[in-house]
Amino acid sequence: MSVCERLVGVAVCGVTPGLLAGCGGLLRGGVSYGPGRGIGEGYLVEYLDASPAPGTFLAEGSQVTFNIKVRYSLMRAETGRIQLQFGNQSGERVLRGTVAVVEIQKCKTAIANVTQQVTVPAGIWELVAYVFVVPDGEKHPVGELRINYLVGPR
C-alpha cells in the first residue's frame, strides 16, 4: 500500500478543506497540512488515525478525548516534541491551556500517539486540531497536520 493510499483524506495545499474544491489534494475526510510541509525542513508529521474521526460532529459543551496517531520524522535536532493544540474555523487559537506534548528523539521515522481531553467551546462552527513536530530550538514550525471537526449546539 502506497503512502497516498494510506493517507486518504489528506490535502497538501495549506488551506482549509472547505476551500479545496479545485485543489485536487483533498481526497475526503477533513485532514490537511499547513504550508511548508516537506522533509527538506528536517522534520515531518503525517496523519495515520484519529479518534474521533476527522469531520465528526462535536456538540458544544461536550467533553471529547482526542487521540491522534501520527508518523513523524525528526532529523533537524536531537530532540523535540509533538504538540497538539486547537483552533477555530478562522485559525484563531481556542482552548488555551490544553496543549498536549509528546517528547520525541531524532529519528528517520517513528509513530506516536498524542491524547488530550477538552470541552468543546461554544460559538464556533469548526474545531481544528493542529499537530506539529517541533524540533528543539525551532520557533516557527511549518507543515502542521490539521484535523477538522464540525461544531454546533446539542
N, C-alpha and C. Protein backbone atom coordinates (compact mmCIF):
# COMPACT_ATOMS: atom_id res chain seq x y z
N MET A 1 0.84 -1.18 0.00
CA MET A 1 0.00 0.00 0.00
C MET A 1 0.89 1.24 0.00
N SER A 2 0.63 2.15 -0.91
CA SER A 2 1.44 3.36 -1.01
C SER A 2 1.09 4.36 0.09
N VAL A 3 1.96 5.35 0.28
CA VAL A 3 1.68 6.41 1.25
C VAL A 3 0.39 7.11 0.88
N CYS A 4 0.16 7.37 -0.40
CA CYS A 4 -1.06 8.06 -0.82
C CYS A 4 -2.30 7.23 -0.50
N GLU A 5 -2.24 5.92 -0.68
CA GLU A 5 -3.38 5.08 -0.35
C GLU A 5 -3.67 5.07 1.14
N ARG A 6 -2.62 5.14 1.98
CA ARG A 6 -2.80 5.14 3.44
C ARG A 6 -3.33 6.48 3.93
N LEU A 7 -3.04 7.55 3.23
CA LEU A 7 -3.38 8.88 3.70
C LEU A 7 -4.66 9.41 3.06
N VAL A 8 -5.68 8.57 2.96
CA VAL A 8 -6.96 9.01 2.42
C VAL A 8 -7.47 10.17 3.26
N GLY A 9 -7.90 11.23 2.61
CA GLY A 9 -8.41 12.40 3.30
C GLY A 9 -7.35 13.45 3.57
N VAL A 10 -6.21 13.36 2.93
CA VAL A 10 -5.11 14.29 3.18
C VAL A 10 -4.97 15.28 2.04
N ALA A 11 -4.77 16.53 2.38
CA ALA A 11 -4.50 17.55 1.38
C ALA A 11 -3.17 18.19 1.72
N VAL A 12 -2.48 18.71 0.72
CA VAL A 12 -1.20 19.36 0.97
C VAL A 12 -1.19 20.78 0.41
N CYS A 13 -2.36 21.38 0.34
CA CYS A 13 -2.47 22.71 -0.26
C CYS A 13 -2.31 23.83 0.75
N GLY A 14 -2.45 23.54 2.04
CA GLY A 14 -2.26 24.57 3.05
C GLY A 14 -3.47 25.48 3.23
N VAL A 15 -4.66 25.00 2.86
CA VAL A 15 -5.87 25.77 3.09
C VAL A 15 -6.89 24.85 3.74
N THR A 16 -7.97 25.44 4.25
CA THR A 16 -8.97 24.63 4.92
C THR A 16 -9.74 23.78 3.92
N PRO A 17 -10.29 22.62 4.37
CA PRO A 17 -10.97 21.71 3.46
C PRO A 17 -12.11 22.36 2.68
N GLY A 18 -12.82 23.34 3.25
CA GLY A 18 -13.90 23.99 2.54
C GLY A 18 -13.44 24.76 1.31
N LEU A 19 -12.16 25.10 1.24
CA LEU A 19 -11.64 25.88 0.13
C LEU A 19 -10.88 25.04 -0.88
N LEU A 20 -10.98 23.72 -0.75
CA LEU A 20 -10.16 22.85 -1.57
C LEU A 20 -10.86 22.31 -2.82
N ALA A 21 -11.99 22.84 -3.19
CA ALA A 21 -12.75 22.27 -4.30
C ALA A 21 -11.92 22.10 -5.56
N GLY A 22 -11.12 23.08 -5.91
CA GLY A 22 -10.34 22.98 -7.13
C GLY A 22 -8.92 22.50 -6.92
N CYS A 23 -8.59 22.14 -5.72
CA CYS A 23 -7.21 21.80 -5.39
C CYS A 23 -6.80 20.43 -5.88
N GLY A 24 -7.67 19.44 -5.71
CA GLY A 24 -7.33 18.09 -6.08
C GLY A 24 -6.53 17.37 -5.02
N GLY A 25 -6.09 18.05 -3.97
CA GLY A 25 -5.29 17.42 -2.93
C GLY A 25 -6.11 16.76 -1.84
N LEU A 26 -7.36 17.18 -1.66
CA LEU A 26 -8.19 16.60 -0.61
C LEU A 26 -8.97 15.45 -1.20
N LEU A 27 -8.74 14.26 -0.67
CA LEU A 27 -9.46 13.09 -1.15
C LEU A 27 -10.81 13.01 -0.48
N ARG A 28 -10.86 13.08 0.82
CA ARG A 28 -12.08 13.17 1.62
C ARG A 28 -11.67 13.14 3.08
N GLY A 29 -12.52 13.68 3.95
CA GLY A 29 -12.30 13.45 5.35
C GLY A 29 -12.08 14.61 6.28
N GLY A 30 -11.48 15.71 5.92
CA GLY A 30 -11.24 16.79 6.86
C GLY A 30 -9.84 16.79 7.45
N VAL A 31 -8.86 16.27 6.72
CA VAL A 31 -7.46 16.28 7.15
C VAL A 31 -6.66 17.02 6.10
N SER A 32 -5.81 17.96 6.53
CA SER A 32 -4.97 18.70 5.59
C SER A 32 -3.65 19.02 6.28
N TYR A 33 -2.74 19.61 5.52
CA TYR A 33 -1.44 20.02 6.05
C TYR A 33 -1.24 21.50 5.83
N GLY A 34 -0.50 22.14 6.72
CA GLY A 34 -0.19 23.54 6.59
C GLY A 34 0.90 23.78 5.57
N PRO A 35 1.11 25.04 5.20
CA PRO A 35 2.14 25.37 4.22
C PRO A 35 3.54 25.04 4.74
N GLY A 36 4.43 24.75 3.83
CA GLY A 36 5.82 24.49 4.19
C GLY A 36 6.10 23.03 4.47
N ARG A 37 5.10 22.16 4.25
CA ARG A 37 5.29 20.75 4.56
C ARG A 37 6.35 20.16 3.63
N GLY A 38 7.31 19.48 4.21
CA GLY A 38 8.32 18.83 3.40
C GLY A 38 9.48 18.34 4.23
N ILE A 39 10.02 17.21 3.89
CA ILE A 39 11.12 16.62 4.64
C ILE A 39 12.38 17.47 4.51
N GLY A 40 12.43 18.37 3.53
CA GLY A 40 13.57 19.26 3.38
C GLY A 40 13.79 20.14 4.58
N GLU A 41 12.76 20.33 5.38
CA GLU A 41 12.87 21.13 6.61
C GLU A 41 13.58 20.35 7.71
N GLY A 42 13.70 19.03 7.56
CA GLY A 42 14.34 18.21 8.58
C GLY A 42 13.38 17.63 9.59
N TYR A 43 12.08 17.83 9.37
CA TYR A 43 11.06 17.24 10.22
C TYR A 43 9.75 17.18 9.45
N LEU A 44 8.89 16.24 9.85
CA LEU A 44 7.67 15.98 9.09
C LEU A 44 6.68 15.25 9.98
N VAL A 45 5.37 15.52 9.81
CA VAL A 45 4.32 14.79 10.50
C VAL A 45 3.31 14.32 9.47
N GLU A 46 2.84 13.08 9.60
CA GLU A 46 1.84 12.51 8.69
C GLU A 46 0.70 11.90 9.49
N TYR A 47 -0.50 12.08 9.00
CA TYR A 47 -1.70 11.53 9.62
C TYR A 47 -1.77 10.02 9.44
N LEU A 48 -2.09 9.31 10.53
CA LEU A 48 -2.37 7.88 10.45
C LEU A 48 -3.80 7.57 10.88
N ASP A 49 -4.24 8.12 12.03
CA ASP A 49 -5.57 7.81 12.54
C ASP A 49 -5.95 8.85 13.58
N ALA A 50 -7.24 9.00 13.81
CA ALA A 50 -7.71 9.92 14.84
C ALA A 50 -9.05 9.44 15.38
N SER A 51 -9.21 9.66 16.67
CA SER A 51 -10.49 9.43 17.32
C SER A 51 -10.80 10.66 18.14
N PRO A 52 -11.94 11.30 17.91
CA PRO A 52 -12.95 10.98 16.91
C PRO A 52 -12.41 11.15 15.49
N ALA A 53 -13.09 10.51 14.55
CA ALA A 53 -12.67 10.57 13.15
C ALA A 53 -12.78 11.99 12.61
N PRO A 54 -11.91 12.37 11.69
CA PRO A 54 -11.99 13.70 11.07
C PRO A 54 -13.39 13.94 10.50
N GLY A 55 -13.88 15.17 10.67
CA GLY A 55 -15.20 15.52 10.15
C GLY A 55 -16.35 15.20 11.07
N THR A 56 -16.09 14.53 12.19
CA THR A 56 -17.14 14.17 13.15
C THR A 56 -17.79 15.43 13.72
N PHE A 57 -19.12 15.38 13.91
CA PHE A 57 -19.84 16.48 14.55
C PHE A 57 -19.58 16.43 16.05
N LEU A 58 -19.23 17.58 16.64
CA LEU A 58 -18.99 17.71 18.08
C LEU A 58 -19.99 18.71 18.65
N ALA A 59 -20.67 18.33 19.71
CA ALA A 59 -21.65 19.22 20.34
C ALA A 59 -20.95 20.21 21.27
N GLU A 60 -21.37 21.47 21.20
CA GLU A 60 -20.84 22.50 22.10
C GLU A 60 -21.01 22.04 23.54
N GLY A 61 -19.98 22.23 24.34
CA GLY A 61 -20.03 21.90 25.76
C GLY A 61 -19.76 20.44 26.08
N SER A 62 -19.64 19.59 25.08
CA SER A 62 -19.38 18.17 25.35
C SER A 62 -17.90 17.95 25.64
N GLN A 63 -17.61 16.93 26.44
CA GLN A 63 -16.22 16.55 26.71
C GLN A 63 -15.81 15.51 25.68
N VAL A 64 -14.69 15.76 25.03
CA VAL A 64 -14.20 14.88 23.97
C VAL A 64 -12.74 14.56 24.24
N THR A 65 -12.37 13.30 24.10
CA THR A 65 -10.98 12.90 24.20
C THR A 65 -10.46 12.68 22.78
N PHE A 66 -9.49 13.48 22.40
CA PHE A 66 -8.85 13.34 21.09
C PHE A 66 -7.65 12.42 21.24
N ASN A 67 -7.58 11.41 20.39
CA ASN A 67 -6.42 10.52 20.34
C ASN A 67 -5.97 10.49 18.89
N ILE A 68 -4.81 11.07 18.63
CA ILE A 68 -4.33 11.22 17.26
C ILE A 68 -3.03 10.45 17.10
N LYS A 69 -3.02 9.59 16.09
CA LYS A 69 -1.84 8.76 15.80
C LYS A 69 -1.16 9.33 14.56
N VAL A 70 0.14 9.59 14.67
CA VAL A 70 0.90 10.17 13.56
C VAL A 70 2.19 9.41 13.34
N ARG A 71 2.69 9.53 12.12
CA ARG A 71 4.06 9.10 11.80
C ARG A 71 4.86 10.39 11.69
N TYR A 72 6.05 10.39 12.22
CA TYR A 72 6.86 11.60 12.17
C TYR A 72 8.30 11.28 11.84
N SER A 73 9.01 12.31 11.42
CA SER A 73 10.44 12.26 11.19
C SER A 73 11.04 13.48 11.87
N LEU A 74 12.15 13.28 12.54
CA LEU A 74 12.87 14.39 13.17
C LEU A 74 14.35 14.18 12.90
N MET A 75 14.89 14.95 11.97
CA MET A 75 16.30 14.85 11.62
C MET A 75 17.04 16.16 11.88
N ARG A 76 16.32 17.23 12.18
CA ARG A 76 16.91 18.55 12.33
C ARG A 76 17.55 18.79 13.70
N ALA A 77 17.10 18.05 14.71
CA ALA A 77 17.60 18.25 16.07
C ALA A 77 17.64 16.89 16.77
N GLU A 78 18.37 16.83 17.87
CA GLU A 78 18.46 15.57 18.63
C GLU A 78 17.16 15.23 19.35
N THR A 79 16.44 16.27 19.79
CA THR A 79 15.18 16.07 20.49
C THR A 79 14.17 17.10 20.02
N GLY A 80 12.94 16.86 20.37
CA GLY A 80 11.85 17.77 20.02
C GLY A 80 10.57 17.28 20.67
N ARG A 81 9.46 17.72 20.11
CA ARG A 81 8.17 17.30 20.66
C ARG A 81 7.11 17.29 19.57
N ILE A 82 6.10 16.49 19.80
CA ILE A 82 4.89 16.56 19.00
C ILE A 82 3.90 17.32 19.86
N GLN A 83 3.28 18.32 19.28
CA GLN A 83 2.41 19.22 20.03
C GLN A 83 1.02 19.23 19.40
N LEU A 84 -0.01 19.12 20.23
CA LEU A 84 -1.41 19.19 19.80
C LEU A 84 -2.03 20.42 20.43
N GLN A 85 -2.62 21.27 19.60
CA GLN A 85 -3.36 22.42 20.09
C GLN A 85 -4.57 22.63 19.20
N PHE A 86 -5.48 23.52 19.59
CA PHE A 86 -6.76 23.65 18.91
C PHE A 86 -7.02 25.07 18.44
N GLY A 87 -7.73 25.18 17.31
CA GLY A 87 -8.12 26.47 16.75
C GLY A 87 -9.54 26.40 16.24
N ASN A 88 -10.04 27.55 15.79
CA ASN A 88 -11.39 27.60 15.22
C ASN A 88 -11.30 27.70 13.70
N GLN A 89 -12.44 27.94 13.07
CA GLN A 89 -12.53 28.00 11.61
C GLN A 89 -11.70 29.12 11.00
N SER A 90 -11.32 30.11 11.78
CA SER A 90 -10.50 31.23 11.29
C SER A 90 -9.02 31.04 11.61
N GLY A 91 -8.68 29.93 12.22
CA GLY A 91 -7.29 29.69 12.60
C GLY A 91 -6.90 30.32 13.92
N GLU A 92 -7.87 30.95 14.61
CA GLU A 92 -7.59 31.56 15.90
C GLU A 92 -7.50 30.46 16.96
N ARG A 93 -6.53 30.58 17.82
CA ARG A 93 -6.34 29.57 18.85
C ARG A 93 -7.47 29.59 19.86
N VAL A 94 -8.00 28.42 20.18
CA VAL A 94 -9.03 28.26 21.21
C VAL A 94 -8.54 27.20 22.20
N LEU A 95 -9.22 27.09 23.31
CA LEU A 95 -8.86 26.11 24.34
C LEU A 95 -7.43 26.30 24.83
N ARG A 96 -7.07 27.54 25.09
CA ARG A 96 -5.73 27.81 25.63
C ARG A 96 -5.52 27.03 26.92
N GLY A 97 -4.31 26.58 27.11
CA GLY A 97 -4.01 25.79 28.29
C GLY A 97 -4.25 24.30 28.10
N THR A 98 -4.64 23.91 26.89
CA THR A 98 -4.90 22.49 26.63
C THR A 98 -3.94 21.93 25.59
N VAL A 99 -2.73 22.41 25.57
CA VAL A 99 -1.72 21.91 24.64
C VAL A 99 -1.18 20.58 25.18
N ALA A 100 -1.25 19.54 24.36
CA ALA A 100 -0.68 18.24 24.73
C ALA A 100 0.68 18.11 24.06
N VAL A 101 1.64 17.52 24.77
CA VAL A 101 3.00 17.41 24.26
C VAL A 101 3.50 15.98 24.46
N VAL A 102 4.16 15.45 23.42
CA VAL A 102 4.85 14.16 23.50
C VAL A 102 6.30 14.43 23.13
N GLU A 103 7.21 14.10 24.03
CA GLU A 103 8.65 14.29 23.77
C GLU A 103 9.13 13.24 22.78
N ILE A 104 9.99 13.64 21.81
CA ILE A 104 10.49 12.72 20.80
C ILE A 104 12.00 12.88 20.65
N GLN A 105 12.61 11.87 20.04
CA GLN A 105 14.05 11.84 19.78
C GLN A 105 14.30 11.86 18.27
N LYS A 106 15.49 12.22 17.87
CA LYS A 106 15.90 12.22 16.47
C LYS A 106 15.68 10.83 15.87
N CYS A 107 15.01 10.78 14.71
CA CYS A 107 14.77 9.50 14.03
C CYS A 107 14.32 9.76 12.59
N LYS A 108 14.54 8.77 11.74
CA LYS A 108 14.07 8.88 10.35
C LYS A 108 12.56 8.73 10.28
N THR A 109 12.01 7.79 11.02
CA THR A 109 10.56 7.63 11.06
C THR A 109 10.16 6.87 12.31
N ALA A 110 9.07 7.31 12.92
CA ALA A 110 8.52 6.66 14.10
C ALA A 110 7.03 7.00 14.18
N ILE A 111 6.34 6.32 15.07
CA ILE A 111 4.91 6.54 15.26
C ILE A 111 4.69 7.01 16.69
N ALA A 112 3.76 7.95 16.85
CA ALA A 112 3.43 8.47 18.18
C ALA A 112 1.94 8.71 18.28
N ASN A 113 1.43 8.63 19.50
CA ASN A 113 0.04 8.98 19.80
C ASN A 113 0.05 10.18 20.73
N VAL A 114 -0.81 11.14 20.44
CA VAL A 114 -0.96 12.29 21.31
C VAL A 114 -2.44 12.36 21.69
N THR A 115 -2.70 12.52 22.99
CA THR A 115 -4.07 12.47 23.51
C THR A 115 -4.34 13.69 24.37
N GLN A 116 -5.57 14.23 24.22
CA GLN A 116 -5.97 15.38 25.03
C GLN A 116 -7.48 15.38 25.18
N GLN A 117 -7.96 15.57 26.40
CA GLN A 117 -9.39 15.71 26.64
C GLN A 117 -9.72 17.20 26.74
N VAL A 118 -10.79 17.62 26.05
CA VAL A 118 -11.18 19.02 26.04
C VAL A 118 -12.70 19.13 26.15
N THR A 119 -13.16 20.31 26.52
CA THR A 119 -14.57 20.65 26.44
C THR A 119 -14.75 21.48 25.18
N VAL A 120 -15.63 21.04 24.30
CA VAL A 120 -15.83 21.72 23.01
C VAL A 120 -16.41 23.11 23.27
N PRO A 121 -15.74 24.16 22.78
CA PRO A 121 -16.21 25.52 23.05
C PRO A 121 -17.48 25.87 22.27
N ALA A 122 -18.27 26.75 22.84
CA ALA A 122 -19.46 27.28 22.17
C ALA A 122 -19.05 28.46 21.29
N GLY A 123 -19.89 28.78 20.31
CA GLY A 123 -19.68 29.97 19.50
C GLY A 123 -18.76 29.78 18.30
N ILE A 124 -18.37 28.56 18.01
CA ILE A 124 -17.58 28.29 16.81
C ILE A 124 -18.32 27.25 15.98
N TRP A 125 -18.03 27.18 14.69
CA TRP A 125 -18.66 26.15 13.86
C TRP A 125 -17.68 25.09 13.40
N GLU A 126 -16.40 25.30 13.67
CA GLU A 126 -15.40 24.30 13.32
C GLU A 126 -14.29 24.32 14.36
N LEU A 127 -13.91 23.12 14.83
CA LEU A 127 -12.78 22.97 15.73
C LEU A 127 -11.68 22.26 14.95
N VAL A 128 -10.49 22.82 14.96
CA VAL A 128 -9.36 22.26 14.22
C VAL A 128 -8.30 21.81 15.22
N ALA A 129 -7.93 20.53 15.13
CA ALA A 129 -6.82 20.00 15.93
C ALA A 129 -5.56 20.16 15.10
N TYR A 130 -4.59 20.91 15.60
CA TYR A 130 -3.32 21.13 14.93
C TYR A 130 -2.26 20.25 15.59
N VAL A 131 -1.54 19.47 14.79
CA VAL A 131 -0.46 18.64 15.31
C VAL A 131 0.83 19.08 14.64
N PHE A 132 1.82 19.45 15.45
CA PHE A 132 3.11 19.94 14.96
C PHE A 132 4.22 19.01 15.41
N VAL A 133 5.26 18.86 14.59
CA VAL A 133 6.55 18.39 15.07
C VAL A 133 7.36 19.65 15.31
N VAL A 134 7.89 19.79 16.52
CA VAL A 134 8.64 20.98 16.90
C VAL A 134 10.04 20.56 17.33
N PRO A 135 11.02 20.69 16.44
CA PRO A 135 12.40 20.39 16.84
C PRO A 135 12.85 21.38 17.91
N ASP A 136 13.67 20.92 18.86
CA ASP A 136 14.21 21.84 19.85
C ASP A 136 14.92 22.99 19.14
N GLY A 137 14.64 24.21 19.59
CA GLY A 137 15.24 25.41 19.01
C GLY A 137 14.41 26.02 17.89
N GLU A 138 13.39 25.32 17.39
CA GLU A 138 12.55 25.84 16.30
C GLU A 138 11.46 26.73 16.89
N LYS A 139 11.41 27.97 16.44
CA LYS A 139 10.41 28.91 16.95
C LYS A 139 9.13 28.93 16.11
N HIS A 140 9.23 28.61 14.82
CA HIS A 140 8.08 28.67 13.93
C HIS A 140 8.01 27.41 13.07
N PRO A 141 7.52 26.29 13.65
CA PRO A 141 7.44 25.06 12.86
C PRO A 141 6.46 25.20 11.70
N VAL A 142 6.71 24.49 10.61
CA VAL A 142 5.86 24.54 9.43
C VAL A 142 5.32 23.15 9.13
N GLY A 143 4.31 23.10 8.26
CA GLY A 143 3.79 21.84 7.77
C GLY A 143 2.95 21.08 8.78
N GLU A 144 2.21 21.80 9.63
CA GLU A 144 1.41 21.14 10.65
C GLU A 144 0.30 20.30 10.04
N LEU A 145 -0.13 19.30 10.77
CA LEU A 145 -1.29 18.49 10.42
C LEU A 145 -2.52 19.19 10.96
N ARG A 146 -3.58 19.25 10.15
CA ARG A 146 -4.83 19.90 10.57
C ARG A 146 -5.97 18.90 10.44
N ILE A 147 -6.68 18.68 11.53
CA ILE A 147 -7.82 17.76 11.51
C ILE A 147 -9.05 18.56 11.90
N ASN A 148 -10.04 18.58 11.01
CA ASN A 148 -11.20 19.45 11.16
C ASN A 148 -12.42 18.67 11.68
N TYR A 149 -13.15 19.34 12.60
CA TYR A 149 -14.37 18.80 13.18
C TYR A 149 -15.46 19.86 13.13
N LEU A 150 -16.68 19.47 12.82
CA LEU A 150 -17.82 20.38 12.82
C LEU A 150 -18.33 20.54 14.23
N VAL A 151 -18.79 21.75 14.60
CA VAL A 151 -19.27 22.05 15.94
C VAL A 151 -20.64 22.71 15.85
N GLY A 152 -21.52 22.37 16.75
CA GLY A 152 -22.84 23.00 16.80
C GLY A 152 -23.52 22.71 18.12
N PRO A 153 -24.73 23.26 18.28
CA PRO A 153 -25.47 23.03 19.53
C PRO A 153 -25.88 21.56 19.63
N ARG A 154 -26.11 21.15 20.88
CA ARG A 154 -26.53 19.76 21.13
C ARG A 154 -27.84 19.45 20.46
